[in-house]
N, C-alpha and C. Protein backbone atom coordinates (compact mmCIF):
# COMPACT_ATOMS: atom_id res chain seq x y z
N MET A 1 -162.90 -36.51 -103.48
CA MET A 1 -163.56 -36.25 -104.75
C MET A 1 -165.09 -36.15 -104.58
N ILE A 2 -165.64 -37.03 -103.77
CA ILE A 2 -167.07 -37.03 -103.53
C ILE A 2 -167.46 -35.74 -102.82
N LYS A 3 -166.61 -35.27 -101.87
CA LYS A 3 -166.89 -34.01 -101.19
C LYS A 3 -166.99 -32.87 -102.17
N LYS A 4 -166.10 -32.85 -103.15
CA LYS A 4 -166.07 -31.78 -104.15
C LYS A 4 -167.39 -31.76 -104.93
N TYR A 5 -167.87 -32.91 -105.37
CA TYR A 5 -169.13 -32.98 -106.10
C TYR A 5 -170.31 -32.60 -105.22
N PHE A 6 -170.26 -33.04 -103.96
CA PHE A 6 -171.32 -32.71 -103.03
C PHE A 6 -171.43 -31.20 -102.83
N PHE A 7 -170.29 -30.55 -102.55
CA PHE A 7 -170.31 -29.10 -102.33
C PHE A 7 -170.70 -28.33 -103.58
N THR A 8 -170.25 -28.79 -104.75
CA THR A 8 -170.62 -28.15 -106.01
C THR A 8 -172.13 -28.29 -106.25
N SER A 9 -172.65 -29.49 -106.02
CA SER A 9 -174.09 -29.72 -106.21
C SER A 9 -174.89 -28.88 -105.21
N PHE A 10 -174.42 -28.83 -103.97
CA PHE A 10 -175.11 -28.05 -102.95
C PHE A 10 -175.10 -26.56 -103.32
N PHE A 11 -173.98 -26.06 -103.77
CA PHE A 11 -173.85 -24.66 -104.17
C PHE A 11 -174.80 -24.33 -105.32
N ILE A 12 -174.87 -25.17 -106.32
CA ILE A 12 -175.77 -24.96 -107.47
C ILE A 12 -177.23 -25.00 -107.00
N PHE A 13 -177.56 -25.93 -106.10
CA PHE A 13 -178.92 -26.03 -105.57
C PHE A 13 -179.31 -24.74 -104.84
N VAL A 14 -178.40 -24.21 -104.01
CA VAL A 14 -178.67 -22.98 -103.27
C VAL A 14 -178.88 -21.81 -104.22
N LEU A 15 -178.05 -21.71 -105.27
CA LEU A 15 -178.21 -20.63 -106.23
C LEU A 15 -179.56 -20.68 -106.93
N PHE A 16 -179.98 -21.87 -107.36
CA PHE A 16 -181.26 -21.99 -108.05
C PHE A 16 -182.44 -21.71 -107.10
N SER A 17 -182.34 -22.14 -105.85
CA SER A 17 -183.43 -21.88 -104.92
C SER A 17 -183.53 -20.39 -104.61
N MET A 18 -182.39 -19.68 -104.52
CA MET A 18 -182.42 -18.23 -104.31
C MET A 18 -183.06 -17.53 -105.50
N ASN A 19 -182.77 -17.98 -106.69
CA ASN A 19 -183.36 -17.39 -107.89
C ASN A 19 -184.87 -17.60 -107.89
N ALA A 20 -185.33 -18.76 -107.47
CA ALA A 20 -186.77 -19.03 -107.43
C ALA A 20 -187.46 -18.12 -106.42
N VAL A 21 -186.84 -17.90 -105.26
CA VAL A 21 -187.42 -17.02 -104.25
C VAL A 21 -187.46 -15.59 -104.76
N ALA A 22 -186.40 -15.16 -105.44
CA ALA A 22 -186.37 -13.81 -105.99
C ALA A 22 -187.47 -13.63 -107.03
N GLN A 23 -187.70 -14.63 -107.86
CA GLN A 23 -188.76 -14.55 -108.87
C GLN A 23 -190.14 -14.48 -108.21
N GLU A 24 -190.35 -15.24 -107.12
CA GLU A 24 -191.62 -15.17 -106.40
C GLU A 24 -191.86 -13.79 -105.83
N ASN A 25 -190.82 -13.19 -105.22
CA ASN A 25 -190.95 -11.85 -104.65
C ASN A 25 -191.24 -10.83 -105.74
N LYS A 26 -190.60 -10.96 -106.88
CA LYS A 26 -190.82 -10.04 -107.99
C LYS A 26 -192.26 -10.13 -108.47
N GLN A 27 -192.79 -11.34 -108.58
CA GLN A 27 -194.16 -11.52 -109.03
C GLN A 27 -195.15 -10.94 -108.03
N SER A 28 -194.86 -11.08 -106.72
CA SER A 28 -195.80 -10.55 -105.73
C SER A 28 -195.82 -9.03 -105.75
N VAL A 29 -194.68 -8.40 -106.04
CA VAL A 29 -194.64 -6.95 -106.13
C VAL A 29 -195.36 -6.48 -107.38
N ILE A 30 -195.17 -7.18 -108.49
CA ILE A 30 -195.82 -6.80 -109.74
C ILE A 30 -197.33 -6.98 -109.63
N GLY A 31 -197.79 -7.99 -108.91
CA GLY A 31 -199.21 -8.28 -108.81
C GLY A 31 -199.98 -7.31 -107.95
N LYS A 32 -199.31 -6.49 -107.14
CA LYS A 32 -200.02 -5.54 -106.29
C LYS A 32 -200.64 -4.44 -107.12
N THR A 33 -201.84 -4.05 -106.74
CA THR A 33 -202.50 -2.99 -107.47
C THR A 33 -202.15 -1.64 -106.87
N GLN A 34 -202.03 -0.66 -107.71
CA GLN A 34 -201.76 0.69 -107.25
C GLN A 34 -203.08 1.42 -107.08
N GLU A 35 -203.04 2.46 -106.22
CA GLU A 35 -204.24 3.26 -106.06
C GLU A 35 -204.51 3.99 -107.37
N PRO A 36 -205.77 4.15 -107.72
CA PRO A 36 -206.06 4.90 -108.95
C PRO A 36 -205.67 6.36 -108.80
N THR A 37 -205.18 6.93 -109.88
CA THR A 37 -204.79 8.35 -109.84
C THR A 37 -205.93 9.20 -110.38
N ILE A 38 -205.88 10.48 -110.09
CA ILE A 38 -206.93 11.39 -110.51
C ILE A 38 -206.70 11.76 -111.97
N GLU A 39 -207.68 11.47 -112.79
CA GLU A 39 -207.55 11.70 -114.22
C GLU A 39 -207.67 13.18 -114.56
N GLY A 40 -206.72 13.69 -115.33
CA GLY A 40 -206.74 15.08 -115.79
C GLY A 40 -206.46 16.10 -114.70
N LEU A 41 -205.74 15.71 -113.64
CA LEU A 41 -205.49 16.61 -112.53
C LEU A 41 -204.55 17.75 -112.94
N ALA A 42 -204.93 18.98 -112.57
CA ALA A 42 -204.10 20.17 -112.80
C ALA A 42 -204.14 21.04 -111.55
N ILE A 43 -202.95 21.43 -111.09
CA ILE A 43 -202.83 22.33 -109.95
C ILE A 43 -202.06 23.54 -110.44
N TYR A 44 -202.68 24.70 -110.39
CA TYR A 44 -202.03 25.89 -110.93
C TYR A 44 -202.43 27.12 -110.13
N PRO A 45 -201.67 28.18 -110.09
CA PRO A 45 -200.28 28.25 -110.58
C PRO A 45 -199.35 27.55 -109.60
N ASN A 46 -198.27 27.06 -110.09
CA ASN A 46 -197.26 26.43 -109.25
C ASN A 46 -195.90 26.71 -109.86
N PRO A 47 -195.10 27.56 -109.29
CA PRO A 47 -195.12 28.18 -107.97
C PRO A 47 -196.20 29.24 -107.84
N VAL A 48 -196.65 29.44 -106.59
CA VAL A 48 -197.75 30.34 -106.27
C VAL A 48 -197.21 31.67 -105.78
N ASN A 49 -197.71 32.76 -106.36
CA ASN A 49 -197.37 34.11 -105.89
C ASN A 49 -198.55 34.75 -105.17
N SER A 50 -199.76 34.35 -105.52
CA SER A 50 -200.96 34.91 -104.90
C SER A 50 -201.37 34.02 -103.74
N GLY A 51 -202.48 34.33 -103.12
CA GLY A 51 -202.94 33.58 -101.96
C GLY A 51 -203.88 32.45 -102.27
N LYS A 52 -203.96 32.02 -103.53
CA LYS A 52 -204.86 30.91 -103.86
C LYS A 52 -204.31 30.07 -105.00
N ILE A 53 -204.71 28.80 -104.98
CA ILE A 53 -204.39 27.89 -106.08
C ILE A 53 -205.70 27.33 -106.61
N PHE A 54 -205.63 26.79 -107.81
CA PHE A 54 -206.80 26.19 -108.45
C PHE A 54 -206.49 24.74 -108.75
N ILE A 55 -207.44 23.88 -108.45
CA ILE A 55 -207.29 22.44 -108.67
C ILE A 55 -208.44 21.99 -109.55
N SER A 56 -208.11 21.39 -110.68
CA SER A 56 -209.16 20.91 -111.57
C SER A 56 -208.83 19.49 -112.03
N SER A 57 -209.88 18.77 -112.42
CA SER A 57 -209.73 17.41 -112.95
C SER A 57 -210.89 17.15 -113.90
N LYS A 58 -210.86 16.00 -114.54
CA LYS A 58 -211.94 15.65 -115.46
C LYS A 58 -213.25 15.41 -114.73
N SER A 59 -213.17 14.95 -113.50
CA SER A 59 -214.37 14.68 -112.70
C SER A 59 -214.78 15.93 -111.93
N SER A 60 -216.03 16.02 -111.60
CA SER A 60 -216.52 17.17 -110.82
C SER A 60 -216.86 16.78 -109.37
N LEU A 61 -216.24 15.70 -108.89
CA LEU A 61 -216.48 15.26 -107.51
C LEU A 61 -215.81 16.21 -106.52
N ASP A 62 -216.28 16.17 -105.27
CA ASP A 62 -215.62 16.93 -104.21
C ASP A 62 -214.20 16.40 -104.03
N LYS A 63 -213.29 17.31 -103.67
CA LYS A 63 -211.90 16.93 -103.48
C LYS A 63 -211.48 17.24 -102.05
N LYS A 64 -210.83 16.27 -101.41
CA LYS A 64 -210.25 16.49 -100.09
C LYS A 64 -208.79 16.89 -100.34
N VAL A 65 -208.42 18.07 -99.87
CA VAL A 65 -207.08 18.60 -100.09
C VAL A 65 -206.35 18.68 -98.75
N GLU A 66 -205.18 18.08 -98.70
CA GLU A 66 -204.33 18.15 -97.52
C GLU A 66 -202.98 18.71 -97.95
N ILE A 67 -202.46 19.65 -97.20
CA ILE A 67 -201.15 20.23 -97.50
C ILE A 67 -200.25 20.00 -96.30
N PHE A 68 -199.05 19.46 -96.57
CA PHE A 68 -198.08 19.14 -95.55
C PHE A 68 -196.81 19.97 -95.77
N ASN A 69 -196.15 20.36 -94.67
CA ASN A 69 -194.86 21.03 -94.83
C ASN A 69 -193.80 19.95 -95.05
N VAL A 70 -192.54 20.36 -95.23
CA VAL A 70 -191.49 19.39 -95.55
C VAL A 70 -191.16 18.47 -94.38
N LEU A 71 -191.59 18.83 -93.18
CA LEU A 71 -191.39 17.97 -92.02
C LEU A 71 -192.51 16.94 -91.87
N GLY A 72 -193.53 17.03 -92.73
CA GLY A 72 -194.63 16.07 -92.71
C GLY A 72 -195.80 16.50 -91.84
N LYS A 73 -195.75 17.70 -91.31
CA LYS A 73 -196.85 18.20 -90.47
C LYS A 73 -197.96 18.74 -91.37
N LYS A 74 -199.20 18.33 -91.09
CA LYS A 74 -200.34 18.80 -91.86
C LYS A 74 -200.61 20.25 -91.50
N VAL A 75 -200.56 21.14 -92.50
CA VAL A 75 -200.78 22.57 -92.24
C VAL A 75 -202.12 23.06 -92.76
N LEU A 76 -202.77 22.27 -93.60
CA LEU A 76 -204.09 22.65 -94.13
C LEU A 76 -204.84 21.40 -94.55
N GLU A 77 -206.12 21.34 -94.19
CA GLU A 77 -207.00 20.26 -94.64
C GLU A 77 -208.34 20.88 -94.95
N ILE A 78 -208.84 20.63 -96.16
CA ILE A 78 -210.08 21.24 -96.60
C ILE A 78 -210.74 20.34 -97.64
N VAL A 79 -212.05 20.38 -97.70
CA VAL A 79 -212.80 19.70 -98.76
C VAL A 79 -213.37 20.79 -99.65
N ILE A 80 -213.08 20.70 -100.95
CA ILE A 80 -213.53 21.75 -101.87
C ILE A 80 -214.55 21.18 -102.86
N THR A 81 -215.50 22.02 -103.21
CA THR A 81 -216.47 21.67 -104.24
C THR A 81 -216.22 22.46 -105.52
N SER A 82 -215.46 23.55 -105.39
CA SER A 82 -215.08 24.34 -106.57
C SER A 82 -213.61 24.08 -106.85
N LYS A 83 -212.99 24.93 -107.66
CA LYS A 83 -211.59 24.75 -108.01
C LYS A 83 -210.64 25.49 -107.09
N GLU A 84 -211.11 26.45 -106.34
CA GLU A 84 -210.25 27.39 -105.62
C GLU A 84 -209.91 26.91 -104.21
N VAL A 85 -208.61 27.07 -103.84
CA VAL A 85 -208.15 26.78 -102.48
C VAL A 85 -207.40 28.00 -101.97
N ASN A 86 -207.82 28.53 -100.81
CA ASN A 86 -207.18 29.69 -100.21
C ASN A 86 -205.97 29.22 -99.40
N ILE A 87 -204.78 29.66 -99.80
CA ILE A 87 -203.56 29.29 -99.09
C ILE A 87 -202.83 30.53 -98.57
N SER A 88 -203.55 31.62 -98.38
CA SER A 88 -202.93 32.88 -97.98
C SER A 88 -202.29 32.81 -96.60
N ASN A 89 -202.72 31.86 -95.74
CA ASN A 89 -202.14 31.77 -94.40
C ASN A 89 -200.86 30.94 -94.35
N LEU A 90 -200.43 30.38 -95.51
CA LEU A 90 -199.19 29.60 -95.54
C LEU A 90 -198.00 30.49 -95.89
N THR A 91 -196.89 30.27 -95.23
CA THR A 91 -195.68 31.05 -95.50
C THR A 91 -194.96 30.49 -96.73
N ALA A 92 -194.04 31.27 -97.26
CA ALA A 92 -193.28 30.86 -98.44
C ALA A 92 -192.48 29.59 -98.12
N GLY A 93 -192.43 28.69 -99.07
CA GLY A 93 -191.69 27.45 -98.88
C GLY A 93 -192.17 26.35 -99.79
N VAL A 94 -191.68 25.15 -99.53
CA VAL A 94 -192.04 23.97 -100.32
C VAL A 94 -192.99 23.12 -99.49
N TYR A 95 -194.06 22.67 -100.12
CA TYR A 95 -195.09 21.87 -99.46
C TYR A 95 -195.42 20.65 -100.31
N ILE A 96 -196.05 19.68 -99.68
CA ILE A 96 -196.59 18.51 -100.38
C ILE A 96 -198.11 18.62 -100.32
N ILE A 97 -198.75 18.53 -101.48
CA ILE A 97 -200.21 18.61 -101.52
C ILE A 97 -200.75 17.24 -101.92
N LYS A 98 -201.69 16.75 -101.13
CA LYS A 98 -202.33 15.46 -101.38
C LYS A 98 -203.80 15.71 -101.65
N ILE A 99 -204.27 15.18 -102.77
CA ILE A 99 -205.65 15.39 -103.19
C ILE A 99 -206.33 14.03 -103.31
N LYS A 100 -207.51 13.91 -102.70
CA LYS A 100 -208.29 12.69 -102.81
C LYS A 100 -209.63 13.04 -103.43
N GLU A 101 -209.97 12.33 -104.50
CA GLU A 101 -211.23 12.54 -105.21
C GLU A 101 -211.87 11.17 -105.42
N GLY A 102 -212.92 10.90 -104.67
CA GLY A 102 -213.52 9.56 -104.71
C GLY A 102 -212.52 8.57 -104.13
N GLU A 103 -212.19 7.53 -104.89
CA GLU A 103 -211.21 6.54 -104.46
C GLU A 103 -209.81 6.86 -104.96
N ALA A 104 -209.69 7.85 -105.84
CA ALA A 104 -208.40 8.19 -106.45
C ALA A 104 -207.66 9.22 -105.61
N THR A 105 -206.34 9.10 -105.59
CA THR A 105 -205.51 10.07 -104.88
C THR A 105 -204.34 10.49 -105.75
N ALA A 106 -203.80 11.66 -105.43
CA ALA A 106 -202.61 12.17 -106.12
C ALA A 106 -201.82 13.02 -105.13
N THR A 107 -200.52 12.99 -105.28
CA THR A 107 -199.63 13.77 -104.42
C THR A 107 -198.69 14.55 -105.32
N ARG A 108 -198.53 15.85 -105.03
CA ARG A 108 -197.67 16.73 -105.84
C ARG A 108 -196.89 17.65 -104.92
N LYS A 109 -195.86 18.25 -105.48
CA LYS A 109 -195.08 19.28 -104.77
C LYS A 109 -195.70 20.63 -105.07
N LEU A 110 -195.78 21.49 -104.05
CA LEU A 110 -196.34 22.83 -104.19
C LEU A 110 -195.31 23.82 -103.67
N ILE A 111 -194.99 24.84 -104.46
CA ILE A 111 -194.03 25.85 -104.06
C ILE A 111 -194.76 27.18 -103.91
N ILE A 112 -194.57 27.80 -102.73
CA ILE A 112 -195.18 29.11 -102.46
C ILE A 112 -194.06 30.14 -102.36
N ASN A 113 -194.15 31.18 -103.19
CA ASN A 113 -193.14 32.25 -103.16
C ASN A 113 -193.55 33.35 -102.22
């Protein structure tokens, strides 16, 4: 009988301690700060038929633009001061475009026809 109470008490203790650890992990994930995003970001046209895209935001800071293919290889890296990016040397397909403006970053999908 004592064994039964011991194992039941032990089982309940283990369950409560697991719940406490899960709550701690949840709080640590919630407490992490995310990178700031670029306010008012617009990338157009998307999908692209011409050889250029336009990138605009509320800020007029320089933008570092990186374009990656679906395999993760960087195919273009440029810093722009205007809105226009020449992508005429890229073949048709799906790309990932990463834009950094000051401390803020944004990542979007770019389709070239």
